[in-house]
C-alpha atoms as a PDB file:
ATOM      1  CA  UNK A   1       1.448  -1.919  -4.639  1.00  0.00           C
ATOM      2  CA  UNK A   2      -1.664  -0.333  -3.633  1.00  0.00           C
ATOM      3  CA  UNK A   3      -1.758   3.358  -3.912  1.00  0.00           C
ATOM      4  CA  UNK A   4      -3.871   4.682  -0.884  1.00  0.00           C
ATOM      5  CA  UNK A   5      -5.098   8.531  -0.070  1.00  0.00           C
ATOM      6  CA  UNK A   6      -5.365   9.444   3.288  1.00  0.00           C
ATOM      7  CA  UNK A   7      -7.462  13.108   4.239  1.00  0.00           C
ATOM      8  CA  UNK A   8      -9.668  14.395   6.720  1.00  0.00           C
ATOM      9  CA  UNK A   9     -12.102  16.864   4.392  1.00  0.00           C
ATOM     10  CA  UNK A  10     -15.140  19.267   5.343  1.00  0.00           C
ATOM     11  CA  UNK A  11     -18.340  19.433   3.621  1.00  0.00           C
ATOM     12  CA  UNK A  12     -17.081  21.691   1.367  1.00  0.00           C
ATOM     13  CA  UNK A  13     -13.937  19.376   0.652  1.00  0.00           C
ATOM     14  CA  UNK A  14     -12.031  22.052   2.372  1.00  0.00           C
ATOM     15  CA  UNK A  15      -8.643  20.308   4.631  1.00  0.00           C
ATOM     16  CA  UNK A  16      -6.159  23.036   5.401  1.00  0.00           C
ATOM     17  CA  UNK A  17      -5.828  26.627   5.920  1.00  0.00           C
ATOM     18  CA  UNK A  18      -2.589  28.299   6.221  1.00  0.00           C
ATOM     19  CA  UNK A  19      -0.652  25.022   5.977  1.00  0.00           C
ATOM     20  CA  UNK A  20      -2.820  23.813   9.562  1.00  0.00           C
ATOM     21  CA  UNK A  21      -5.336  20.858   9.424  1.00  0.00           C
ATOM     22  CA  UNK A  22      -8.989  22.370  10.300  1.00  0.00           C
ATOM     23  CA  UNK A  23     -10.131  20.035  12.134  1.00  0.00           C
ATOM     24  CA  UNK A  24      -7.650  18.236  15.019  1.00  0.00           C
ATOM     25  CA  UNK A  25     -10.185  15.215  15.867  1.00  0.00           C
ATOM     26  CA  UNK A  26      -8.440  12.869  17.856  1.00  0.00           C
ATOM     27  CA  UNK A  27     -10.378   8.985  16.524  1.00  0.00           C
ATOM     28  CA  UNK A  28      -9.406  10.764  13.445  1.00  0.00           C
ATOM     29  CA  UNK A  29      -5.687  11.504  14.308  1.00  0.00           C
ATOM     30  CA  UNK A  30      -5.724   7.450  16.041  1.00  0.00           C
ATOM     31  CA  UNK A  31      -6.488   6.477  12.387  1.00  0.00           C
ATOM     32  CA  UNK A  32      -3.985   7.980  10.373  1.00  0.00           C
ATOM     33  CA  UNK A  33      -2.006   6.460  13.232  1.00  0.00           C
ATOM     34  CA  UNK A  34      -3.033   3.119  12.903  1.00  0.00           C
ATOM     35  CA  UNK A  35      -3.555   2.670   8.942  1.00  0.00           C
ATOM     36  CA  UNK A  36      -0.266   4.259   7.548  1.00  0.00           C
ATOM     37  CA  UNK A  37       1.775   2.608  10.395  1.00  0.00           C
ATOM     38  CA  UNK A  38       4.633   0.482   9.061  1.00  0.00           C
ATOM     39  CA  UNK A  39       4.255   1.577   5.223  1.00  0.00           C
ATOM     40  CA  UNK A  40       5.558   4.232   3.283  1.00  0.00           C
ATOM     41  CA  UNK A  41       3.538   7.920   3.825  1.00  0.00           C
ATOM     42  CA  UNK A  42       4.144  10.073   0.451  1.00  0.00           C
ATOM     43  CA  UNK A  43       3.923  14.273   0.720  1.00  0.00           C
ATOM     44  CA  UNK A  44       4.238  17.498  -0.492  1.00  0.00           C
ATOM     45  CA  UNK A  45       7.073  19.498   1.429  1.00  0.00           C
ATOM     46  CA  UNK A  46       4.680  21.962   2.684  1.00  0.00           C
ATOM     47  CA  UNK A  47       2.901  19.048   4.235  1.00  0.00           C
ATOM     48  CA  UNK A  48       6.278  18.023   5.546  1.00  0.00           C
ATOM     49  CA  UNK A  49       6.984  21.810   7.092  1.00  0.00           C
ATOM     50  CA  UNK A  50       3.620  21.181   8.730  1.00  0.00           C
ATOM     51  CA  UNK A  51       4.317  18.159  11.150  1.00  0.00           C
ATOM     52  CA  UNK A  52       4.987  19.623  14.407  1.00  0.00           C
ATOM     53  CA  UNK A  53       7.722  16.779  15.276  1.00  0.00           C
ATOM     54  CA  UNK A  54       9.342  16.102  11.301  1.00  0.00           C
ATOM     55  CA  UNK A  55       9.382  12.857  10.141  1.00  0.00           C
ATOM     56  CA  UNK A  56       6.054  10.157  11.365  1.00  0.00           C
ATOM     57  CA  UNK A  57       7.911   7.911  13.457  1.00  0.00           C
ATOM     58  CA  UNK A  58       7.514   3.734  12.394  1.00  0.00           C
ATOM     59  CA  UNK A  59       6.978   4.880   8.494  1.00  0.00           C
ATOM     60  CA  UNK A  60       9.018   5.483   5.712  1.00  0.00           C
ATOM     61  CA  UNK A  61       8.931   8.931   4.954  1.00  0.00           C
ATOM     62  CA  UNK A  62       9.099  10.601   1.172  1.00  0.00           C
ATOM     63  CA  UNK A  63       9.190  14.187   0.670  1.00  0.00           C
ATOM     64  CA  UNK A  64       8.406  15.638  -2.689  1.00  0.00           C
ATOM     65  CA  UNK A  65       9.916  18.594  -3.526  1.00  0.00           C
ATOM     66  CA  UNK A  66      11.762  20.237  -6.521  1.00  0.00           C
ATOM     67  CA  UNK A  67      13.309  23.196  -4.519  1.00  0.00           C
ATOM     68  CA  UNK A  68      14.818  21.055  -1.286  1.00  0.00           C
ATOM     69  CA  UNK A  69      16.980  17.850  -2.343  1.00  0.00           C
ATOM     70  CA  UNK A  70      17.365  16.607   1.431  1.00  0.00           C
ATOM     71  CA  UNK A  71      15.664  16.715   4.365  1.00  0.00           C
ATOM     72  CA  UNK A  72      16.245  14.148   7.890  1.00  0.00           C
ATOM     73  CA  UNK A  73      14.926  11.222   8.322  1.00  0.00           C
ATOM     74  CA  UNK A  74      13.181  11.457   4.627  1.00  0.00           C
ATOM     75  CA  UNK A  75      13.936  10.570   1.194  1.00  0.00           C
ATOM     76  CA  UNK A  76      13.477  13.462  -1.019  1.00  0.00           C
ATOM     77  CA  UNK A  77      11.855  13.184  -5.256  1.00  0.00           C
ATOM     78  CA  UNK A  78      11.120  15.335  -7.478  1.00  0.00           C
ATOM     79  CA  UNK A  79       8.394  13.724  -8.357  1.00  0.00           C
ATOM     80  CA  UNK A  80       4.679  11.881  -8.101  1.00  0.00           C
ATOM     81  CA  UNK A  81       6.036   9.066 -10.258  1.00  0.00           C
ATOM     82  CA  UNK A  82       9.878   8.877  -9.139  1.00  0.00           C
ATOM     83  CA  UNK A  83       8.807   8.561  -5.722  1.00  0.00           C
ATOM     84  CA  UNK A  84       6.197   5.262  -6.624  1.00  0.00           C
ATOM     85  CA  UNK A  85       9.094   3.391  -8.512  1.00  0.00           C
ATOM     86  CA  UNK A  86      10.941   3.920  -5.530  1.00  0.00           C
ATOM     87  CA  UNK A  87       7.910   2.093  -3.493  1.00  0.00           C
ATOM     88  CA  UNK A  88       8.083  -1.324  -5.989  1.00  0.00           C
ATOM     89  CA  UNK A  89       7.948  -4.265  -3.660  1.00  0.00           C
ATOM     90  CA  UNK A  90       5.737  -2.716  -1.636  1.00  0.00           C
ATOM     91  CA  UNK A  91       1.882  -3.580  -0.373  1.00  0.00           C
ATOM     92  CA  UNK A  92       0.198  -0.267   0.818  1.00  0.00           C
ATOM     93  CA  UNK A  93       2.018   2.941   0.037  1.00  0.00           C
ATOM     94  CA  UNK A  94      -0.490   6.412   1.534  1.00  0.00           C
ATOM     95  CA  UNK A  95      -0.856   9.973   0.100  1.00  0.00           C
ATOM     96  CA  UNK A  96      -1.119  12.001   3.009  1.00  0.00           C
ATOM     97  CA  UNK A  97      -1.674  15.823   1.323  1.00  0.00           C
ATOM     98  CA  UNK A  98      -1.078  18.125   0.304  1.00  0.00           C
ATOM     99  CA  UNK A  99      -4.009  19.780  -2.271  1.00  0.00           C
ATOM    100  CA  UNK A 100      -1.358  19.924  -5.600  1.00  0.00           C
ATOM    101  CA  UNK A 101      -0.514  16.139  -4.487  1.00  0.00           C
ATOM    102  CA  UNK A 102      -3.879  15.317  -3.741  1.00  0.00           C
ATOM    103  CA  UNK A 103      -5.109  16.220  -7.300  1.00  0.00           C
ATOM    104  CA  UNK A 104      -1.862  14.016  -8.884  1.00  0.00           C
ATOM    105  CA  UNK A 105      -2.572  11.079  -7.207  1.00  0.00           C
ATOM    106  CA  UNK A 106      -6.015  10.684  -7.482  1.00  0.00           C
ATOM    107  CA  UNK A 107      -6.460   9.094 -10.899  1.00  0.00           C
ATOM    108  CA  UNK A 108      -3.383   6.834 -10.105  1.00  0.00           C
ATOM    109  CA  UNK A 109      -5.151   5.962  -6.254  1.00  0.00           C
ATOM    110  CA  UNK A 110      -6.865   2.215  -5.428  1.00  0.00           C
ATOM    111  CA  UNK A 111      -8.408   3.338  -2.388  1.00  0.00           C
ATOM    112  CA  UNK A 112      -9.550   6.489  -0.347  1.00  0.00           C
ATOM    113  CA  UNK A 113      -9.553   6.823   3.380  1.00  0.00           C
ATOM    114  CA  UNK A 114     -11.754   9.423   4.081  1.00  0.00           C
ATOM    115  CA  UNK A 115     -12.664  11.526   7.311  1.00  0.00           C
ATOM    116  CA  UNK A 116     -15.663  13.702   6.027  1.00  0.00           C
ATOM    117  CA  UNK A 117     -16.394  15.974   8.961  1.00  0.00           C
ATOM    118  CA  UNK A 118     -20.047  18.118   8.685  1.00  0.00           C
ATOM    119  CA  UNK A 119     -19.092  21.238   9.060  1.00  0.00           C
ATOM    120  CA  UNK A 120     -17.817  23.628   6.501  1.00  0.00           C
ATOM    121  CA  UNK A 121     -14.768  25.866   7.844  1.00  0.00           C
ATOM    122  CA  UNK A 122     -15.331  29.795   8.598  1.00  0.00           C
ATOM    123  CA  UNK A 123     -11.720  29.899   6.560  1.00  0.00           C
ATOM    124  CA  UNK A 124      -9.998  27.398   4.266  1.00  0.00           C
ATOM    125  CA  UNK A 125      -7.436  27.657   1.361  1.00  0.00           C
ATOM    126  CA  UNK A 126      -6.838  24.144   0.491  1.00  0.00           C
ATOM    127  CA  UNK A 127      -8.916  21.714  -1.054  1.00  0.00           C
ATOM    128  CA  UNK A 128      -9.693  18.149  -1.837  1.00  0.00           C
ATOM    129  CA  UNK A 129     -10.101  17.309  -5.512  1.00  0.00           C
ATOM    130  CA  UNK A 130     -13.997  16.066  -6.441  1.00  0.00           C
ATOM    131  CA  UNK A 131     -14.069  12.469  -5.384  1.00  0.00           C
ATOM    132  CA  UNK A 132     -18.083  11.773  -6.205  1.00  0.00           C
ATOM    133  CA  UNK A 133     -17.347   9.942  -9.327  1.00  0.00           C
ATOM    134  CA  UNK A 134     -15.564   6.378  -9.593  1.00  0.00           C
ATOM    135  CA  UNK A 135     -15.569   5.384  -6.213  1.00  0.00           C
ATOM    136  CA  UNK A 136     -17.871   2.893  -4.135  1.00  0.00           C
ATOM    137  CA  UNK A 137     -18.121   2.738  -0.321  1.00  0.00           C
ATOM    138  CA  UNK A 138     -16.156  -0.409   0.898  1.00  0.00           C
ATOM    139  CA  UNK A 139     -17.072   0.697   4.861  1.00  0.00           C
ATOM    140  CA  UNK A 140     -18.653   3.459   6.415  1.00  0.00           C
ATOM    141  CA  UNK A 141     -19.039   4.408  10.437  1.00  0.00           C
ATOM    142  CA  UNK A 142     -20.211   7.635  11.693  1.00  0.00           C
ATOM    143  CA  UNK A 143     -19.060   9.383  14.494  1.00  0.00           C
ATOM    144  CA  UNK A 144     -19.550  12.479  16.950  1.00  0.00           C
ATOM    145  CA  UNK A 145     -17.003  14.841  19.200  1.00  0.00           C
ATOM    146  CA  UNK A 146     -17.871  14.519  22.656  1.00  0.00           C
ATOM    147  CA  UNK A 147     -17.025  18.008  23.690  1.00  0.00           C
ATOM    148  CA  UNK A 148     -18.198  19.739  20.165  1.00  0.00           C
ATOM    149  CA  UNK A 149     -20.564  17.275  19.351  1.00  0.00           C
ATOM    150  CA  UNK A 150     -18.860  17.393  15.511  1.00  0.00           C
ATOM    151  CA  UNK A 151     -20.202  14.648  13.630  1.00  0.00           C
ATOM    152  CA  UNK A 152     -17.945  12.724  11.146  1.00  0.00           C
ATOM    153  CA  UNK A 153     -17.897  10.022   9.191  1.00  0.00           C
ATOM    154  CA  UNK A 154     -15.184   7.534   8.426  1.00  0.00           C
ATOM    155  CA  UNK A 155     -15.902   6.530   4.723  1.00  0.00           C
ATOM    156  CA  UNK A 156     -12.955   4.023   2.940  1.00  0.00           C
ATOM    157  CA  UNK A 157     -13.921   4.112  -0.936  1.00  0.00           C
ATOM    158  CA  UNK A 158     -12.360   1.502  -3.360  1.00  0.00           C
ATOM    159  CA  UNK A 159     -12.197   2.498  -7.444  1.00  0.00           C
ATOM    160  CA  UNK A 160     -15.002   1.770  -9.341  1.00  0.00           C
ATOM    161  CA  UNK A 161     -14.310  -1.375 -12.060  1.00  0.00           C
ATOM    162  CA  UNK A 162     -16.064   1.417 -14.749  1.00  0.00           C
END
């Protein structure tokens, strides 16, 4: 099983504010769907609560929580290790947030699928951990939004063998 992390990060590694995404880039949302469809996604409870339509369709939804034991359309586990044990035999599993889960899963991850946004938000209260060391770029695509001309880059990383 490959453990993948997928996230959209601002230039200062900000990922959210008040349990909401900082940026809504259509191409980023499409990439997220394309990469995670037909795979397992693991998220924290607050990330699950932020989803507008509940569990993500076409994916096995796993939520980590110490306070909730059941959620409709999801499997709930009390730890990342228990969730990963339940994924035995799967090819790809994606961690989709939030901050504490990214921090816990980063040392275990095999690949990162990042959308790096050339912007610093006015307000942010959730941040992605530092990933500047231990990773090599395997794919990079630069883009710009049509309306706001915000620049962003899809960057795929694999763990360095070092």
